[in-house]
Amino acid sequence: MSFATCLIVMLGGAIGTLARYTVSVLALPISRELPWGTIIINVTGSFLIGFFGTLTLAQGRYPVSENLRLFVMIGFCGGYTTFSSFSLQTLDLLRGGAVLRAGVNIIGSVLLCLAGVALGHALAAQLNGGAAPIVRAAIEEE
């Protein structure tokens, strides 16, 4: 881990955080019953990491440098996706007595995020010219 790599990840995280804030603000009008901003962010972030991670594998059609993968997958996606916000908002729903809405939030978010990452992976694998392994690198699992 070099200083330059840390800067690359930090820059990606800063941009992802700004994108997260922007989507959250734009989603406020539709977020009365459920935290739709967080759901949208988690689903699109899941799609992005599945799509980009698969499309840019070294053996894929569009390989990119490890630094760019770290920028997008660790930095941007790490700053953009909001699992901690999801957890806090779900707890707030539960504490407010909205058990059914909390359950919908949990099940809907998990299923939609899994669908997002699967769709991103499938689309990128197709663009790569066929099946591709699931993204797996030690640094991406931290």
C-alpha atoms as a PDB file:
ATOM      1  CA  MET A   1       0.000   0.000   0.000  1.00  0.00           C
ATOM      2  CA  SER A   2       1.650   3.172  -1.205  1.00  0.00           C
ATOM      3  CA  PHE A   3       0.857   6.790  -0.443  1.00  0.00           C
ATOM      4  CA  ALA A   4      -0.223   7.290  -4.074  1.00  0.00           C
ATOM      5  CA  THR A   5      -2.655   4.362  -3.797  1.00  0.00           C
ATOM      6  CA  CYS A   6      -4.107   5.855  -0.614  1.00  0.00           C
ATOM      7  CA  LEU A   7      -4.643   9.168  -2.410  1.00  0.00           C
ATOM      8  CA  ILE A   8      -6.366   7.418  -5.306  1.00  0.00           C
ATOM      9  CA  VAL A   9      -8.753   5.619  -2.938  1.00  0.00           C
ATOM     10  CA  MET A  10      -9.389   8.824  -0.942  1.00  0.00           C
ATOM     11  CA  LEU A  11     -10.206  10.807  -4.092  1.00  0.00           C
ATOM     12  CA  GLY A  12     -12.629   8.126  -5.234  1.00  0.00           C
ATOM     13  CA  GLY A  13     -14.210   8.121  -1.780  1.00  0.00           C
ATOM     14  CA  ALA A  14     -14.640  11.903  -1.804  1.00  0.00           C
ATOM     15  CA  ILE A  15     -16.347  11.817  -5.195  1.00  0.00           C
ATOM     16  CA  GLY A  16     -18.527   8.880  -4.116  1.00  0.00           C
ATOM     17  CA  THR A  17     -19.532  10.718  -0.948  1.00  0.00           C
ATOM     18  CA  LEU A  18     -20.557  13.796  -2.935  1.00  0.00           C
ATOM     19  CA  ALA A  19     -22.568  11.602  -5.311  1.00  0.00           C
ATOM     20  CA  ARG A  20     -24.244   9.941  -2.318  1.00  0.00           C
ATOM     21  CA  TYR A  21     -25.215  13.299  -0.835  1.00  0.00           C
ATOM     22  CA  THR A  22     -26.583  14.505  -4.177  1.00  0.00           C
ATOM     23  CA  VAL A  23     -28.750  11.412  -4.698  1.00  0.00           C
ATOM     24  CA  SER A  24     -29.994  11.608  -1.092  1.00  0.00           C
ATOM     25  CA  VAL A  25     -31.082  15.222  -1.525  1.00  0.00           C
ATOM     26  CA  LEU A  26     -32.746  14.525  -4.866  1.00  0.00           C
ATOM     27  CA  ALA A  27     -34.663  11.591  -3.366  1.00  0.00           C
ATOM     28  CA  LEU A  28     -36.050  13.528  -0.391  1.00  0.00           C
ATOM     29  CA  PRO A  29     -39.438  14.220  -2.042  1.00  0.00           C
ATOM     30  CA  ILE A  30     -40.130  10.474  -2.473  1.00  0.00           C
ATOM     31  CA  SER A  31     -38.700   9.345   0.866  1.00  0.00           C
ATOM     32  CA  ARG A  32     -41.648   9.894   3.191  1.00  0.00           C
ATOM     33  CA  GLU A  33     -42.484   6.264   3.996  1.00  0.00           C
ATOM     34  CA  LEU A  34     -39.178   4.536   3.221  1.00  0.00           C
ATOM     35  CA  PRO A  35     -35.611   5.865   2.879  1.00  0.00           C
ATOM     36  CA  TRP A  36     -35.659   5.665  -0.931  1.00  0.00           C
ATOM     37  CA  GLY A  37     -32.459   7.679  -1.309  1.00  0.00           C
ATOM     38  CA  THR A  38     -30.531   5.027   0.609  1.00  0.00           C
ATOM     39  CA  ILE A  39     -32.224   2.206  -1.293  1.00  0.00           C
ATOM     40  CA  ILE A  40     -31.449   3.849  -4.655  1.00  0.00           C
ATOM     41  CA  ILE A  41     -27.839   4.447  -3.632  1.00  0.00           C
ATOM     42  CA  ASN A  42     -27.316   0.877  -2.436  1.00  0.00           C
ATOM     43  CA  VAL A  43     -28.904  -0.653  -5.556  1.00  0.00           C
ATOM     44  CA  THR A  44     -27.014   1.554  -8.024  1.00  0.00           C
ATOM     45  CA  GLY A  45     -23.787   1.093  -6.062  1.00  0.00           C
ATOM     46  CA  SER A  46     -24.302  -2.672  -6.129  1.00  0.00           C
ATOM     47  CA  PHE A  47     -24.907  -2.544  -9.882  1.00  0.00           C
ATOM     48  CA  LEU A  48     -21.825  -0.392 -10.429  1.00  0.00           C
ATOM     49  CA  ILE A  49     -19.457  -2.605  -8.445  1.00  0.00           C
ATOM     50  CA  GLY A  50     -20.800  -5.741 -10.181  1.00  0.00           C
ATOM     51  CA  PHE A  51     -20.620  -4.166 -13.636  1.00  0.00           C
ATOM     52  CA  PHE A  52     -17.286  -2.355 -13.356  1.00  0.00           C
ATOM     53  CA  GLY A  53     -15.616  -5.116 -11.378  1.00  0.00           C
ATOM     54  CA  THR A  54     -16.498  -7.721 -13.987  1.00  0.00           C
ATOM     55  CA  LEU A  55     -16.013  -5.591 -17.093  1.00  0.00           C
ATOM     56  CA  THR A  56     -12.518  -4.482 -16.100  1.00  0.00           C
ATOM     57  CA  LEU A  57     -11.028  -7.823 -15.025  1.00  0.00           C
ATOM     58  CA  ALA A  58      -7.513  -8.362 -16.361  1.00  0.00           C
ATOM     59  CA  GLN A  59      -8.785 -11.138 -18.663  1.00  0.00           C
ATOM     60  CA  GLY A  60     -11.881  -9.140 -19.716  1.00  0.00           C
ATOM     61  CA  ARG A  61     -12.474  -7.110 -22.831  1.00  0.00           C
ATOM     62  CA  TYR A  62     -11.839  -3.788 -21.072  1.00  0.00           C
ATOM     63  CA  PRO A  63      -9.023  -4.313 -18.563  1.00  0.00           C
ATOM     64  CA  VAL A  64      -7.953  -1.255 -16.610  1.00  0.00           C
ATOM     65  CA  SER A  65      -5.156  -0.535 -14.182  1.00  0.00           C
ATOM     66  CA  GLU A  66      -5.380  -1.754 -10.609  1.00  0.00           C
ATOM     67  CA  ASN A  67      -5.345   1.886  -9.510  1.00  0.00           C
ATOM     68  CA  LEU A  68      -8.492   2.642 -11.516  1.00  0.00           C
ATOM     69  CA  ARG A  69     -10.200  -0.440 -10.070  1.00  0.00           C
ATOM     70  CA  LEU A  70      -9.257   0.718  -6.559  1.00  0.00           C
ATOM     71  CA  PHE A  71     -10.492   4.247  -7.339  1.00  0.00           C
ATOM     72  CA  VAL A  72     -13.911   3.007  -8.478  1.00  0.00           C
ATOM     73  CA  MET A  73     -14.538  -0.128  -6.426  1.00  0.00           C
ATOM     74  CA  ILE A  74     -12.979   0.776  -3.079  1.00  0.00           C
ATOM     75  CA  GLY A  75     -12.967   4.573  -3.232  1.00  0.00           C
ATOM     76  CA  PHE A  76     -16.070   5.644  -5.156  1.00  0.00           C
ATOM     77  CA  CYS A  77     -18.310   2.706  -4.238  1.00  0.00           C
ATOM     78  CA  GLY A  78     -17.113   2.794  -0.632  1.00  0.00           C
ATOM     79  CA  GLY A  79     -17.979   6.484  -0.327  1.00  0.00           C
ATOM     80  CA  TYR A  80     -21.194   6.158  -2.328  1.00  0.00           C
ATOM     81  CA  THR A  81     -22.926   3.134  -0.852  1.00  0.00           C
ATOM     82  CA  THR A  82     -24.617   3.588   2.465  1.00  0.00           C
ATOM     83  CA  PHE A  83     -24.991   0.403   4.446  1.00  0.00           C
ATOM     84  CA  SER A  84     -24.428   2.221   7.719  1.00  0.00           C
ATOM     85  CA  SER A  85     -27.200   4.692   6.833  1.00  0.00           C
ATOM     86  CA  PHE A  86     -29.439   1.773   5.878  1.00  0.00           C
ATOM     87  CA  SER A  87     -28.807   0.199   9.284  1.00  0.00           C
ATOM     88  CA  LEU A  88     -29.526   3.403  11.194  1.00  0.00           C
ATOM     89  CA  GLN A  89     -32.694   4.152   9.217  1.00  0.00           C
ATOM     90  CA  THR A  90     -33.942   0.598   9.734  1.00  0.00           C
ATOM     91  CA  LEU A  91     -33.321   0.901  13.466  1.00  0.00           C
ATOM     92  CA  ASP A  92     -35.243   4.190  13.477  1.00  0.00           C
ATOM     93  CA  LEU A  93     -38.184   2.496  11.750  1.00  0.00           C
ATOM     94  CA  LEU A  94     -38.120  -0.318  14.310  1.00  0.00           C
ATOM     95  CA  ARG A  95     -37.832   2.041  17.258  1.00  0.00           C
ATOM     96  CA  GLY A  96     -40.729   4.076  15.865  1.00  0.00           C
ATOM     97  CA  GLY A  97     -42.924   0.971  15.784  1.00  0.00           C
ATOM     98  CA  ALA A  98     -42.893   0.614  11.983  1.00  0.00           C
ATOM     99  CA  VAL A  99     -41.918  -3.063  12.046  1.00  0.00           C
ATOM    100  CA  LEU A 100     -43.553  -3.862   8.697  1.00  0.00           C
ATOM    101  CA  ARG A 101     -41.847  -0.936   6.940  1.00  0.00           C
ATOM    102  CA  ALA A 102     -38.522  -1.928   8.532  1.00  0.00           C
ATOM    103  CA  GLY A 103     -39.003  -5.465   7.201  1.00  0.00           C
ATOM    104  CA  VAL A 104     -39.850  -4.157   3.728  1.00  0.00           C
ATOM    105  CA  ASN A 105     -36.733  -1.971   3.881  1.00  0.00           C
ATOM    106  CA  ILE A 106     -34.506  -4.898   4.888  1.00  0.00           C
ATOM    107  CA  ILE A 107     -35.881  -7.469   2.452  1.00  0.00           C
ATOM    108  CA  GLY A 108     -36.307  -4.994  -0.401  1.00  0.00           C
ATOM    109  CA  SER A 109     -32.834  -3.520  -0.017  1.00  0.00           C
ATOM    110  CA  VAL A 110     -31.081  -6.879   0.201  1.00  0.00           C
ATOM    111  CA  LEU A 111     -32.967  -8.389  -2.744  1.00  0.00           C
ATOM    112  CA  LEU A 112     -32.637  -5.284  -4.919  1.00  0.00           C
ATOM    113  CA  CYS A 113     -28.919  -4.945  -4.164  1.00  0.00           C
ATOM    114  CA  LEU A 114     -28.298  -8.600  -4.964  1.00  0.00           C
ATOM    115  CA  ALA A 115     -30.254  -8.121  -8.199  1.00  0.00           C
ATOM    116  CA  GLY A 116     -28.214  -4.989  -8.940  1.00  0.00           C
ATOM    117  CA  VAL A 117     -24.859  -6.696  -8.499  1.00  0.00           C
ATOM    118  CA  ALA A 118     -26.036  -9.758 -10.471  1.00  0.00           C
ATOM    119  CA  LEU A 119     -27.351  -7.593 -13.317  1.00  0.00           C
ATOM    120  CA  GLY A 120     -24.153  -5.543 -13.416  1.00  0.00           C
ATOM    121  CA  HIS A 121     -22.033  -8.691 -13.455  1.00  0.00           C
ATOM    122  CA  ALA A 122     -24.169 -10.359 -16.151  1.00  0.00           C
ATOM    123  CA  LEU A 123     -24.142  -7.302 -18.399  1.00  0.00           C
ATOM    124  CA  ALA A 124     -20.384  -6.850 -18.059  1.00  0.00           C
ATOM    125  CA  ALA A 125     -19.753 -10.565 -18.639  1.00  0.00           C
ATOM    126  CA  GLN A 126     -21.783 -10.334 -21.845  1.00  0.00           C
ATOM    127  CA  LEU A 127     -19.809  -7.272 -22.969  1.00  0.00           C
ATOM    128  CA  ASN A 128     -16.631  -9.214 -22.185  1.00  0.00           C
ATOM    129  CA  GLY A 129     -17.712 -11.827 -24.714  1.00  0.00           C
ATOM    130  CA  GLY A 130     -18.965 -14.536 -22.395  1.00  0.00           C
ATOM    131  CA  ALA A 131     -18.924 -15.822 -18.874  1.00  0.00           C
ATOM    132  CA  ALA A 132     -16.497 -14.174 -16.501  1.00  0.00           C
ATOM    133  CA  PRO A 133     -15.473 -15.126 -12.999  1.00  0.00           C
ATOM    134  CA  ILE A 134     -17.019 -13.216 -10.158  1.00  0.00           C
ATOM    135  CA  VAL A 135     -14.826 -10.339  -9.071  1.00  0.00           C
ATOM    136  CA  ARG A 136     -12.468 -11.598  -6.404  1.00  0.00           C
ATOM    137  CA  ALA A 137      -9.367  -9.871  -5.196  1.00  0.00           C
ATOM    138  CA  ALA A 138      -8.110  -9.680  -1.637  1.00  0.00           C
ATOM    139  CA  ILE A 139      -8.039  -5.867  -1.661  1.00  0.00           C
ATOM    140  CA  GLU A 140     -11.685  -5.688  -2.822  1.00  0.00           C
ATOM    141  CA  GLU A 141     -12.861  -7.680   0.202  1.00  0.00           C
ATOM    142  CA  GLU A 142     -11.499  -5.268   2.815  1.00  0.00           C
END
